[in-house]
Amino acid sequence: MEAVKERLADKFKKENMQPASLEKAGEVGEYVAMIWPPMAPSEIVVSEITADPAGGEKGMGAWASVGQKELFRLPLK
């Protein structure tokens, strides 16, 4: 988690970063970052949360009710 925060610190304030939860998705206009691919992460995918799931894709838990628009990718290292 700390390595991801360090990579994102140039673009976002570290004090505003928090771990994601399956119980509560972020709000429209907020950002979400995830490491990708899950089993052997090599990059960070940063997306903006949108009102509707894009292209019928659904996330898990609370994330199924929001969409995400990919903004950019950063190498993990």
C-alpha atoms as a PDB file:
ATOM      1  CA  MET A   1       0.000   0.000   0.000  1.00  0.00           C
ATOM      2  CA  GLU A   2       2.767   2.444   0.902  1.00  0.00           C
ATOM      3  CA  ALA A   3       4.572   1.924  -2.426  1.00  0.00           C
ATOM      4  CA  VAL A   4       1.352   2.741  -4.296  1.00  0.00           C
ATOM      5  CA  LYS A   5       0.805   5.899  -2.221  1.00  0.00           C
ATOM      6  CA  GLU A   6       4.356   7.035  -2.968  1.00  0.00           C
ATOM      7  CA  ARG A   7       3.859   6.584  -6.729  1.00  0.00           C
ATOM      8  CA  LEU A   8       0.606   8.587  -6.596  1.00  0.00           C
ATOM      9  CA  ALA A   9       1.924  11.368  -4.329  1.00  0.00           C
ATOM     10  CA  ASP A  10       3.004  13.495  -7.324  1.00  0.00           C
ATOM     11  CA  LYS A  11      -0.606  13.711  -8.513  1.00  0.00           C
ATOM     12  CA  PHE A  12      -2.691  13.364  -5.326  1.00  0.00           C
ATOM     13  CA  LYS A  13      -2.338  14.406  -1.669  1.00  0.00           C
ATOM     14  CA  LYS A  14      -1.326  11.429   0.474  1.00  0.00           C
ATOM     15  CA  GLU A  15      -3.522  12.598   3.345  1.00  0.00           C
ATOM     16  CA  ASN A  16      -6.592  12.203   1.086  1.00  0.00           C
ATOM     17  CA  MET A  17      -5.755   8.612   0.106  1.00  0.00           C
ATOM     18  CA  GLN A  18      -7.639   5.772   1.750  1.00  0.00           C
ATOM     19  CA  PRO A  19      -8.041   2.048   1.122  1.00  0.00           C
ATOM     20  CA  ALA A  20     -11.025   0.961  -0.952  1.00  0.00           C
ATOM     21  CA  SER A  21     -13.879  -0.997   0.590  1.00  0.00           C
ATOM     22  CA  LEU A  22     -16.402  -3.438  -0.867  1.00  0.00           C
ATOM     23  CA  GLU A  23     -19.048  -1.957   1.453  1.00  0.00           C
ATOM     24  CA  LYS A  24     -18.840   1.652   0.199  1.00  0.00           C
ATOM     25  CA  ALA A  25     -17.788   2.886  -3.208  1.00  0.00           C
ATOM     26  CA  GLY A  26     -16.388   6.355  -3.708  1.00  0.00           C
ATOM     27  CA  GLU A  27     -18.468   9.300  -4.844  1.00  0.00           C
ATOM     28  CA  VAL A  28     -18.875  10.530  -8.430  1.00  0.00           C
ATOM     29  CA  GLY A  29     -15.902  12.730  -9.330  1.00  0.00           C
ATOM     30  CA  GLU A  30     -13.511  11.030  -6.905  1.00  0.00           C
ATOM     31  CA  TYR A  31     -10.630   8.877  -8.071  1.00  0.00           C
ATOM     32  CA  VAL A  32      -9.800   5.216  -7.589  1.00  0.00           C
ATOM     33  CA  ALA A  33      -6.403   3.603  -8.087  1.00  0.00           C
ATOM     34  CA  MET A  34      -5.817  -0.117  -8.340  1.00  0.00           C
ATOM     35  CA  ILE A  35      -2.802  -2.259  -8.982  1.00  0.00           C
ATOM     36  CA  TRP A  36      -3.009  -4.373 -12.120  1.00  0.00           C
ATOM     37  CA  PRO A  37      -3.011  -7.252 -12.817  1.00  0.00           C
ATOM     38  CA  PRO A  38      -4.085  -8.567  -9.407  1.00  0.00           C
ATOM     39  CA  MET A  39      -1.880 -11.666  -9.196  1.00  0.00           C
ATOM     40  CA  ALA A  40       1.358 -10.058 -10.466  1.00  0.00           C
ATOM     41  CA  PRO A  41       0.917  -6.270 -10.280  1.00  0.00           C
ATOM     42  CA  SER A  42       3.091  -4.202 -12.591  1.00  0.00           C
ATOM     43  CA  GLU A  43       1.154  -0.952 -12.879  1.00  0.00           C
ATOM     44  CA  ILE A  44      -1.328   1.348 -11.163  1.00  0.00           C
ATOM     45  CA  VAL A  45      -4.533   2.151 -13.032  1.00  0.00           C
ATOM     46  CA  VAL A  46      -6.122   5.474 -12.018  1.00  0.00           C
ATOM     47  CA  SER A  47      -9.775   6.072 -12.880  1.00  0.00           C
ATOM     48  CA  GLU A  48     -12.432   8.666 -12.121  1.00  0.00           C
ATOM     49  CA  ILE A  49     -15.673   7.434 -10.556  1.00  0.00           C
ATOM     50  CA  THR A  50     -18.700   8.080 -12.797  1.00  0.00           C
ATOM     51  CA  ALA A  51     -22.423   7.738 -12.170  1.00  0.00           C
ATOM     52  CA  ASP A  52     -23.106   4.625 -14.229  1.00  0.00           C
ATOM     53  CA  PRO A  53     -21.171   1.422 -14.878  1.00  0.00           C
ATOM     54  CA  ALA A  54     -19.523   1.763 -18.301  1.00  0.00           C
ATOM     55  CA  GLY A  55     -20.190  -0.828 -20.960  1.00  0.00           C
ATOM     56  CA  GLY A  56     -22.237  -2.994 -18.643  1.00  0.00           C
ATOM     57  CA  GLU A  57     -19.154  -3.896 -16.586  1.00  0.00           C
ATOM     58  CA  LYS A  58     -19.935  -4.330 -12.918  1.00  0.00           C
ATOM     59  CA  GLY A  59     -17.583  -4.162  -9.982  1.00  0.00           C
ATOM     60  CA  MET A  60     -17.917  -6.138  -6.785  1.00  0.00           C
ATOM     61  CA  GLY A  61     -20.015  -5.145  -3.784  1.00  0.00           C
ATOM     62  CA  ALA A  62     -20.851  -1.434  -3.595  1.00  0.00           C
ATOM     63  CA  TRP A  63     -18.650  -0.818  -6.651  1.00  0.00           C
ATOM     64  CA  ALA A  64     -21.273  -2.496  -8.863  1.00  0.00           C
ATOM     65  CA  SER A  65     -23.378   0.690  -8.626  1.00  0.00           C
ATOM     66  CA  VAL A  66     -20.761   3.090 -10.038  1.00  0.00           C
ATOM     67  CA  GLY A  67     -18.781   3.346 -13.234  1.00  0.00           C
ATOM     68  CA  GLN A  68     -15.133   4.175 -13.737  1.00  0.00           C
ATOM     69  CA  LYS A  69     -13.453   6.108 -16.528  1.00  0.00           C
ATOM     70  CA  GLU A  70      -9.771   5.220 -16.868  1.00  0.00           C
ATOM     71  CA  LEU A  71      -7.540   8.307 -16.793  1.00  0.00           C
ATOM     72  CA  PHE A  72      -3.971   6.990 -16.835  1.00  0.00           C
ATOM     73  CA  ARG A  73      -1.582   4.213 -15.848  1.00  0.00           C
ATOM     74  CA  LEU A  74       1.681   4.382 -13.927  1.00  0.00           C
ATOM     75  CA  PRO A  75       4.363   1.695 -13.653  1.00  0.00           C
ATOM     76  CA  LEU A  76       4.374   0.288 -10.121  1.00  0.00           C
ATOM     77  CA  LYS A  77       8.151   0.647  -9.812  1.00  0.00           C
END
